[in-house]
Amino acid sequence: MVCHLRKGRSTLANTQAPLGILMLDTRFPRILGDVGNADTWPFPVHYGVVKGATPQAIVCDDIEPFVQEFITVGRDLVAQGCNGIATTCGFLALIRPRLAAALGVPVAASALEQAGQIAPMLAPDQQLGILTISARSLTPAHLGAAGVPPGTPVQGMENSRFATAILGNQTTLDVERTRQEMVSAAQNLVAQNPSVGAIILECTNMVPYAPDIARATGRGVFSIYTYLRWFHAGLTPQVF
């Protein structure tokens, strides 16, 4: 287990309890906006890396061998003063109940967990849509654990360079190509499902492209960034 402390950009960073973030074991670039880039956050964060938990292992293979290590790293983060725990992979919604039970602090495991908040805000004839790194791997069990309404349209990014770079844990990332792929996938989602009134980005590495997706589709875009901003605001209320 490797832990890293980052203060974030807020002038209140030294007065706020840090948010603990469970990191997958990755090598790909963490550009600004990515959950794993500390400068993304306007509040202090602690990172704890779960060794061996690669994107391929968590998204495409069996998560069970890593559950106890996620708990162990999470306990270390809590011991360091974190009053809430988050993760860097939307597929970890599947183990949120076990993390919360073991850690004793609030746990925000996946951007998909916003579904119950967003759906009631939409017009009666609208629904959510999900953009994910792998539609094949995002099972009903994952969606159910996150509280995603049944029948929610899902658009995957299989065979994209983005998915290849992230799931392959590559050391390079073609940001502009990824931006194009992300916009194209989102446009396809709404073209095939015109009733989609808002989009949730399952993958935490999709956040940097949210503005492009919003402009291209005309839909609101929710992500791990919007989720953890809300989550942290409750854990550490703003002083006025």
C-alpha atoms as a PDB file:
ATOM      1  CA  MET A   1       0.000   0.000   0.000  1.00  0.00           C
ATOM      2  CA  VAL A   2       1.280   3.454  -0.963  1.00  0.00           C
ATOM      3  CA  CYS A   3      -0.306   6.636   0.338  1.00  0.00           C
ATOM      4  CA  HIS A   4       0.134  10.149  -0.992  1.00  0.00           C
ATOM      5  CA  LEU A   5      -1.063  13.429   0.534  1.00  0.00           C
ATOM      6  CA  ARG A   6      -2.051  16.313  -1.653  1.00  0.00           C
ATOM      7  CA  LYS A   7      -3.464  19.590  -0.388  1.00  0.00           C
ATOM      8  CA  GLY A   8      -5.630  20.559  -3.342  1.00  0.00           C
ATOM      9  CA  ARG A   9      -6.078  24.158  -4.509  1.00  0.00           C
ATOM     10  CA  SER A  10      -8.329  25.553  -1.784  1.00  0.00           C
ATOM     11  CA  THR A  11      -7.074  28.314   0.500  1.00  0.00           C
ATOM     12  CA  LEU A  12      -8.866  26.390   3.259  1.00  0.00           C
ATOM     13  CA  ALA A  13      -6.843  23.239   2.540  1.00  0.00           C
ATOM     14  CA  ASN A  14      -5.040  23.300   5.867  1.00  0.00           C
ATOM     15  CA  THR A  15      -8.287  23.561   7.849  1.00  0.00           C
ATOM     16  CA  GLN A  16     -10.254  20.769   6.172  1.00  0.00           C
ATOM     17  CA  ALA A  17     -10.183  17.041   6.853  1.00  0.00           C
ATOM     18  CA  PRO A  18      -8.785  15.302   3.762  1.00  0.00           C
ATOM     19  CA  LEU A  19     -10.919  13.102   1.561  1.00  0.00           C
ATOM     20  CA  GLY A  20      -9.430   9.616   1.247  1.00  0.00           C
ATOM     21  CA  ILE A  21      -9.309   8.253  -2.302  1.00  0.00           C
ATOM     22  CA  LEU A  22      -8.650   4.574  -2.995  1.00  0.00           C
ATOM     23  CA  MET A  23      -6.517   4.410  -6.130  1.00  0.00           C
ATOM     24  CA  LEU A  24      -6.213   1.585  -8.601  1.00  0.00           C
ATOM     25  CA  ASP A  25      -2.680   0.465  -9.408  1.00  0.00           C
ATOM     26  CA  THR A  26      -2.121   2.501 -12.575  1.00  0.00           C
ATOM     27  CA  ARG A  27       0.565   3.935 -14.868  1.00  0.00           C
ATOM     28  CA  PHE A  28      -1.495   5.946 -17.366  1.00  0.00           C
ATOM     29  CA  PRO A  29      -1.292   9.777 -17.286  1.00  0.00           C
ATOM     30  CA  ARG A  30      -3.495  11.490 -14.704  1.00  0.00           C
ATOM     31  CA  ILE A  31      -4.268  14.729 -16.552  1.00  0.00           C
ATOM     32  CA  LEU A  32      -5.969  17.702 -14.912  1.00  0.00           C
ATOM     33  CA  GLY A  33      -9.576  16.779 -14.230  1.00  0.00           C
ATOM     34  CA  ASP A  34      -8.759  13.121 -13.598  1.00  0.00           C
ATOM     35  CA  VAL A  35      -9.719  11.909 -10.133  1.00  0.00           C
ATOM     36  CA  GLY A  36      -6.115  10.839  -9.548  1.00  0.00           C
ATOM     37  CA  ASN A  37      -4.673  14.304 -10.186  1.00  0.00           C
ATOM     38  CA  ALA A  38      -4.615  16.170  -6.871  1.00  0.00           C
ATOM     39  CA  ASP A  39      -4.815  19.552  -8.630  1.00  0.00           C
ATOM     40  CA  THR A  40      -8.293  18.558  -9.824  1.00  0.00           C
ATOM     41  CA  TRP A  41      -9.660  19.059  -6.303  1.00  0.00           C
ATOM     42  CA  PRO A  42     -10.287  22.342  -4.438  1.00  0.00           C
ATOM     43  CA  PHE A  43      -9.860  20.508  -1.118  1.00  0.00           C
ATOM     44  CA  PRO A  44      -7.179  18.274   0.440  1.00  0.00           C
ATOM     45  CA  VAL A  45      -7.031  14.603  -0.511  1.00  0.00           C
ATOM     46  CA  HIS A  46      -5.113  11.537   0.591  1.00  0.00           C
ATOM     47  CA  TYR A  47      -4.441   8.840  -2.011  1.00  0.00           C
ATOM     48  CA  GLY A  48      -3.960   5.190  -1.138  1.00  0.00           C
ATOM     49  CA  VAL A  49      -2.877   2.800  -3.892  1.00  0.00           C
ATOM     50  CA  VAL A  50      -4.236  -0.764  -3.841  1.00  0.00           C
ATOM     51  CA  LYS A  51      -1.372  -2.797  -5.230  1.00  0.00           C
ATOM     52  CA  GLY A  52      -2.254  -5.191  -8.044  1.00  0.00           C
ATOM     53  CA  ALA A  53      -5.715  -3.706  -8.559  1.00  0.00           C
ATOM     54  CA  THR A  54      -5.170  -2.703 -12.175  1.00  0.00           C
ATOM     55  CA  PRO A  55      -7.968  -1.339 -14.377  1.00  0.00           C
ATOM     56  CA  GLN A  56      -8.137  -4.661 -16.234  1.00  0.00           C
ATOM     57  CA  ALA A  57      -8.427  -6.613 -12.975  1.00  0.00           C
ATOM     58  CA  ILE A  58     -11.217  -4.461 -11.557  1.00  0.00           C
ATOM     59  CA  VAL A  59     -13.246  -3.743 -14.705  1.00  0.00           C
ATOM     60  CA  CYS A  60     -12.863  -6.959 -16.676  1.00  0.00           C
ATOM     61  CA  ASP A  61     -11.784  -9.669 -14.238  1.00  0.00           C
ATOM     62  CA  ASP A  62     -12.761 -10.754 -10.710  1.00  0.00           C
ATOM     63  CA  ILE A  63     -12.783  -8.024  -8.053  1.00  0.00           C
ATOM     64  CA  GLU A  64     -13.078 -10.418  -5.115  1.00  0.00           C
ATOM     65  CA  PRO A  65      -9.349 -11.112  -4.611  1.00  0.00           C
ATOM     66  CA  PHE A  66      -8.824  -7.377  -3.967  1.00  0.00           C
ATOM     67  CA  VAL A  67     -11.692  -6.582  -1.602  1.00  0.00           C
ATOM     68  CA  GLN A  68      -9.722  -7.087   1.600  1.00  0.00           C
ATOM     69  CA  GLU A  69      -6.850  -4.964   0.319  1.00  0.00           C
ATOM     70  CA  PHE A  70      -9.270  -2.138  -0.511  1.00  0.00           C
ATOM     71  CA  ILE A  71     -10.499  -2.371   3.079  1.00  0.00           C
ATOM     72  CA  THR A  72      -6.957  -2.401   4.471  1.00  0.00           C
ATOM     73  CA  VAL A  73      -5.900   0.662   2.480  1.00  0.00           C
ATOM     74  CA  GLY A  74      -9.183   2.383   3.359  1.00  0.00           C
ATOM     75  CA  ARG A  75      -8.563   1.811   7.063  1.00  0.00           C
ATOM     76  CA  ASP A  76      -5.125   3.368   6.719  1.00  0.00           C
ATOM     77  CA  LEU A  77      -6.664   6.442   5.097  1.00  0.00           C
ATOM     78  CA  VAL A  78      -9.227   6.763   7.891  1.00  0.00           C
ATOM     79  CA  ALA A  79      -6.434   6.429  10.453  1.00  0.00           C
ATOM     80  CA  GLN A  80      -4.691   9.353   8.711  1.00  0.00           C
ATOM     81  CA  GLY A  81      -7.700  11.581   9.400  1.00  0.00           C
ATOM     82  CA  CYS A  82      -9.894  11.087   6.326  1.00  0.00           C
ATOM     83  CA  ASN A  83     -13.578  11.450   7.263  1.00  0.00           C
ATOM     84  CA  GLY A  84     -14.867  10.041   3.987  1.00  0.00           C
ATOM     85  CA  ILE A  85     -13.591   7.579   1.382  1.00  0.00           C
ATOM     86  CA  ALA A  86     -13.950   7.628  -2.398  1.00  0.00           C
ATOM     87  CA  THR A  87     -12.536   5.477  -5.198  1.00  0.00           C
ATOM     88  CA  THR A  88     -11.086   5.902  -8.671  1.00  0.00           C
ATOM     89  CA  CYS A  89     -13.240   3.385 -10.536  1.00  0.00           C
ATOM     90  CA  GLY A  90     -16.984   3.402 -11.110  1.00  0.00           C
ATOM     91  CA  PHE A  91     -17.085  -0.394 -11.078  1.00  0.00           C
ATOM     92  CA  LEU A  92     -16.286  -0.360  -7.355  1.00  0.00           C
ATOM     93  CA  ALA A  93     -19.936   0.445  -6.640  1.00  0.00           C
ATOM     94  CA  LEU A  94     -20.210  -3.318  -6.375  1.00  0.00           C
ATOM     95  CA  ILE A  95     -18.261  -3.377  -3.102  1.00  0.00           C
ATOM     96  CA  ARG A  96     -19.389  -0.076  -1.554  1.00  0.00           C
ATOM     97  CA  PRO A  97     -21.578  -1.783   1.106  1.00  0.00           C
ATOM     98  CA  ARG A  98     -18.615  -3.836   2.294  1.00  0.00           C
ATOM     99  CA  LEU A  99     -16.310  -0.840   2.311  1.00  0.00           C
ATOM    100  CA  ALA A 100     -18.773   1.265   4.295  1.00  0.00           C
ATOM    101  CA  ALA A 101     -19.365  -1.518   6.805  1.00  0.00           C
ATOM    102  CA  ALA A 102     -15.649  -2.092   7.327  1.00  0.00           C
ATOM    103  CA  LEU A 103     -14.453   1.524   7.372  1.00  0.00           C
ATOM    104  CA  GLY A 104     -17.116   3.174   9.509  1.00  0.00           C
ATOM    105  CA  VAL A 105     -17.122   6.422   7.491  1.00  0.00           C
ATOM    106  CA  PRO A 106     -19.217   7.489   4.475  1.00  0.00           C
ATOM    107  CA  VAL A 107     -18.073   5.916   1.190  1.00  0.00           C
ATOM    108  CA  ALA A 108     -18.671   7.328  -2.316  1.00  0.00           C
ATOM    109  CA  ALA A 109     -17.531   4.549  -4.619  1.00  0.00           C
ATOM    110  CA  SER A 110     -18.907   5.428  -8.050  1.00  0.00           C
ATOM    111  CA  ALA A 111     -20.242   8.321 -10.091  1.00  0.00           C
ATOM    112  CA  LEU A 112     -23.195   6.052 -10.911  1.00  0.00           C
ATOM    113  CA  GLU A 113     -24.406   6.478  -7.337  1.00  0.00           C
ATOM    114  CA  GLN A 114     -25.708   9.926  -8.337  1.00  0.00           C
ATOM    115  CA  ALA A 115     -28.461   8.302 -10.379  1.00  0.00           C
ATOM    116  CA  GLY A 116     -31.009   8.465  -7.572  1.00  0.00           C
ATOM    117  CA  GLN A 117     -30.432  12.209  -7.228  1.00  0.00           C
ATOM    118  CA  ILE A 118     -30.438  13.072 -10.905  1.00  0.00           C
ATOM    119  CA  ALA A 119     -33.344  11.011 -12.224  1.00  0.00           C
ATOM    120  CA  PRO A 120     -36.050  12.872 -10.230  1.00  0.00           C
ATOM    121  CA  MET A 121     -34.770  16.197 -11.579  1.00  0.00           C
ATOM    122  CA  LEU A 122     -35.475  15.277 -15.185  1.00  0.00           C
ATOM    123  CA  ALA A 123     -38.693  15.858 -17.083  1.00  0.00           C
ATOM    124  CA  PRO A 124     -41.183  12.959 -16.913  1.00  0.00           C
ATOM    125  CA  ASP A 125     -40.396  11.914 -20.488  1.00  0.00           C
ATOM    126  CA  GLN A 126     -36.625  11.945 -19.934  1.00  0.00           C
ATOM    127  CA  GLN A 127     -34.172   9.451 -18.509  1.00  0.00           C
ATOM    128  CA  LEU A 128     -30.527   9.128 -17.607  1.00  0.00           C
ATOM    129  CA  GLY A 129     -27.872   7.818 -19.951  1.00  0.00           C
ATOM    130  CA  ILE A 130     -24.549   6.272 -18.981  1.00  0.00           C
ATOM    131  CA  LEU A 131     -21.215   6.529 -20.753  1.00  0.00           C
ATOM    132  CA  THR A 132     -18.865   3.775 -19.556  1.00  0.00           C
ATOM    133  CA  ILE A 133     -15.450   2.465 -20.455  1.00  0.00           C
ATOM    134  CA  SER A 134     -16.925  -1.027 -20.957  1.00  0.00           C
ATOM    135  CA  ALA A 135     -20.610  -1.733 -21.480  1.00  0.00           C
ATOM    136  CA  ARG A 136     -19.816  -5.450 -21.645  1.00  0.00           C
ATOM    137  CA  SER A 137     -18.418  -5.411 -18.122  1.00  0.00           C
ATOM    138  CA  LEU A 138     -20.997  -3.092 -16.546  1.00  0.00           C
ATOM    139  CA  THR A 139     -23.460  -5.697 -15.303  1.00  0.00           C
ATOM    140  CA  PRO A 140     -26.946  -5.374 -13.783  1.00  0.00           C
ATOM    141  CA  ALA A 141     -25.260  -6.122 -10.449  1.00  0.00           C
ATOM    142  CA  HIS A 142     -23.070  -3.016 -10.776  1.00  0.00           C
ATOM    143  CA  LEU A 143     -26.015  -0.857 -11.823  1.00  0.00           C
ATOM    144  CA  GLY A 144     -28.251  -2.217  -9.078  1.00  0.00           C
ATOM    145  CA  ALA A 145     -25.609  -1.616  -6.413  1.00  0.00           C
ATOM    146  CA  ALA A 146     -25.365   2.013  -7.545  1.00  0.00           C
ATOM    147  CA  GLY A 147     -29.139   2.527  -7.616  1.00  0.00           C
ATOM    148  CA  VAL A 148     -29.358   3.090 -11.364  1.00  0.00           C
ATOM    149  CA  PRO A 149     -32.960   2.798 -12.608  1.00  0.00           C
ATOM    150  CA  PRO A 150     -33.686  -0.354 -14.668  1.00  0.00           C
ATOM    151  CA  GLY A 151     -33.617   0.214 -18.406  1.00  0.00           C
ATOM    152  CA  THR A 152     -31.121   3.074 -18.266  1.00  0.00           C
ATOM    153  CA  PRO A 153     -29.318   3.292 -21.652  1.00  0.00           C
ATOM    154  CA  VAL A 154     -25.617   2.461 -21.521  1.00  0.00           C
ATOM    155  CA  GLN A 155     -23.010   3.400 -24.121  1.00  0.00           C
ATOM    156  CA  GLY A 156     -19.614   1.711 -23.925  1.00  0.00           C
ATOM    157  CA  MET A 157     -16.267   2.724 -25.373  1.00  0.00           C
ATOM    158  CA  GLU A 158     -15.028  -0.694 -26.364  1.00  0.00           C
ATOM    159  CA  ASN A 159     -12.306  -0.686 -29.030  1.00  0.00           C
ATOM    160  CA  SER A 160     -11.499   2.996 -28.504  1.00  0.00           C
ATOM    161  CA  ARG A 161      -7.944   4.183 -27.953  1.00  0.00           C
ATOM    162  CA  PHE A 162      -9.123   5.584 -24.639  1.00  0.00           C
ATOM    163  CA  ALA A 163     -10.272   2.171 -23.406  1.00  0.00           C
ATOM    164  CA  THR A 164      -7.109   0.546 -24.717  1.00  0.00           C
ATOM    165  CA  ALA A 165      -4.915   3.050 -22.873  1.00  0.00           C
ATOM    166  CA  ILE A 166      -6.793   2.866 -19.564  1.00  0.00           C
ATOM    167  CA  LEU A 167      -7.583  -0.851 -19.405  1.00  0.00           C
ATOM    168  CA  GLY A 168      -4.145  -1.663 -20.792  1.00  0.00           C
ATOM    169  CA  ASN A 169      -2.571   0.607 -18.156  1.00  0.00           C
ATOM    170  CA  GLN A 170      -0.404   2.243 -20.803  1.00  0.00           C
ATOM    171  CA  THR A 171       2.042   5.016 -20.034  1.00  0.00           C
ATOM    172  CA  THR A 172       0.752   7.358 -22.746  1.00  0.00           C
ATOM    173  CA  LEU A 173      -2.654   8.826 -23.568  1.00  0.00           C
ATOM    174  CA  ASP A 174      -3.679  10.633 -26.749  1.00  0.00           C
ATOM    175  CA  VAL A 175      -5.800  13.338 -25.130  1.00  0.00           C
ATOM    176  CA  GLU A 176      -7.160  14.916 -28.316  1.00  0.00           C
ATOM    177  CA  ARG A 177      -8.045  11.547 -29.853  1.00  0.00           C
ATOM    178  CA  THR A 178      -9.728  10.606 -26.585  1.00  0.00           C
ATOM    179  CA  ARG A 179     -11.709  13.848 -26.619  1.00  0.00           C
ATOM    180  CA  GLN A 180     -13.005  13.029 -30.103  1.00  0.00           C
ATOM    181  CA  GLU A 181     -13.877   9.469 -29.105  1.00  0.00           C
ATOM    182  CA  MET A 182     -15.694  10.640 -25.988  1.00  0.00           C
ATOM    183  CA  VAL A 183     -17.794  13.174 -27.881  1.00  0.00           C
ATOM    184  CA  SER A 184     -18.629  10.646 -30.589  1.00  0.00           C
ATOM    185  CA  ALA A 185     -19.720   8.029 -28.053  1.00  0.00           C
ATOM    186  CA  ALA A 186     -21.890  10.533 -26.196  1.00  0.00           C
ATOM    187  CA  GLN A 187     -23.498  11.716 -29.424  1.00  0.00           C
ATOM    188  CA  ASN A 188     -24.236   8.115 -30.315  1.00  0.00           C
ATOM    189  CA  LEU A 189     -25.834   7.589 -26.898  1.00  0.00           C
ATOM    190  CA  VAL A 190     -28.288  10.461 -27.325  1.00  0.00           C
ATOM    191  CA  ALA A 191     -28.907   9.752 -31.016  1.00  0.00           C
ATOM    192  CA  GLN A 192     -30.005   6.216 -30.196  1.00  0.00           C
ATOM    193  CA  ASN A 193     -31.855   7.348 -27.060  1.00  0.00           C
ATOM    194  CA  PRO A 194     -33.348  10.829 -27.640  1.00  0.00           C
ATOM    195  CA  SER A 195     -35.083  10.648 -24.261  1.00  0.00           C
ATOM    196  CA  VAL A 196     -31.742  10.891 -22.459  1.00  0.00           C
ATOM    197  CA  GLY A 197     -31.855  14.188 -20.571  1.00  0.00           C
ATOM    198  CA  ALA A 198     -28.605  13.856 -18.607  1.00  0.00           C
ATOM    199  CA  ILE A 199     -25.456  11.764 -18.852  1.00  0.00           C
ATOM    200  CA  ILE A 200     -23.438  10.121 -16.091  1.00  0.00           C
ATOM    201  CA  LEU A 201     -19.792   9.378 -16.819  1.00  0.00           C
ATOM    202  CA  GLU A 202     -19.087   6.052 -15.124  1.00  0.00           C
ATOM    203  CA  CYS A 203     -15.338   6.189 -15.660  1.00  0.00           C
ATOM    204  CA  THR A 204     -13.403   8.564 -13.417  1.00  0.00           C
ATOM    205  CA  ASN A 205     -10.926   9.233 -16.232  1.00  0.00           C
ATOM    206  CA  MET A 206     -13.659  10.789 -18.384  1.00  0.00           C
ATOM    207  CA  VAL A 207     -14.012  13.958 -16.310  1.00  0.00           C
ATOM    208  CA  PRO A 208     -11.632  16.148 -18.369  1.00  0.00           C
ATOM    209  CA  TYR A 209     -13.912  15.704 -21.378  1.00  0.00           C
ATOM    210  CA  ALA A 210     -17.201  16.558 -19.651  1.00  0.00           C
ATOM    211  CA  PRO A 211     -17.390  20.121 -21.056  1.00  0.00           C
ATOM    212  CA  ASP A 212     -16.911  18.806 -24.591  1.00  0.00           C
ATOM    213  CA  ILE A 213     -19.633  16.195 -24.084  1.00  0.00           C
ATOM    214  CA  ALA A 214     -22.038  18.796 -22.691  1.00  0.00           C
ATOM    215  CA  ARG A 215     -21.463  21.142 -25.630  1.00  0.00           C
ATOM    216  CA  ALA A 216     -21.826  18.376 -28.194  1.00  0.00           C
ATOM    217  CA  THR A 217     -24.996  16.830 -26.761  1.00  0.00           C
ATOM    218  CA  GLY A 218     -26.750  19.722 -25.045  1.00  0.00           C
ATOM    219  CA  ARG A 219     -27.196  17.526 -21.970  1.00  0.00           C
ATOM    220  CA  GLY A 220     -26.082  17.960 -18.409  1.00  0.00           C
ATOM    221  CA  VAL A 221     -23.060  15.808 -17.582  1.00  0.00           C
ATOM    222  CA  PHE A 222     -22.442  14.309 -14.153  1.00  0.00           C
ATOM    223  CA  SER A 223     -19.261  12.558 -13.080  1.00  0.00           C
ATOM    224  CA  ILE A 224     -17.082  11.571 -10.157  1.00  0.00           C
ATOM    225  CA  TYR A 225     -16.102  15.248 -10.005  1.00  0.00           C
ATOM    226  CA  THR A 226     -19.650  16.473  -9.444  1.00  0.00           C
ATOM    227  CA  TYR A 227     -20.257  13.595  -7.028  1.00  0.00           C
ATOM    228  CA  LEU A 228     -17.201  14.141  -4.839  1.00  0.00           C
ATOM    229  CA  ARG A 229     -17.652  17.921  -4.752  1.00  0.00           C
ATOM    230  CA  TRP A 230     -21.116  17.271  -3.287  1.00  0.00           C
ATOM    231  CA  PHE A 231     -19.831  14.478  -1.041  1.00  0.00           C
ATOM    232  CA  HIS A 232     -17.024  16.576   0.425  1.00  0.00           C
ATOM    233  CA  ALA A 233     -19.318  19.565   0.953  1.00  0.00           C
ATOM    234  CA  GLY A 234     -21.377  17.444   3.335  1.00  0.00           C
ATOM    235  CA  LEU A 235     -18.366  15.969   5.111  1.00  0.00           C
ATOM    236  CA  THR A 236     -16.771  19.376   5.622  1.00  0.00           C
ATOM    237  CA  PRO A 237     -19.425  22.120   5.446  1.00  0.00           C
ATOM    238  CA  GLN A 238     -18.352  25.506   4.168  1.00  0.00           C
ATOM    239  CA  VAL A 239     -17.681  28.139   6.846  1.00  0.00           C
ATOM    240  CA  PHE A 240     -19.423  31.436   6.079  1.00  0.00           C
END
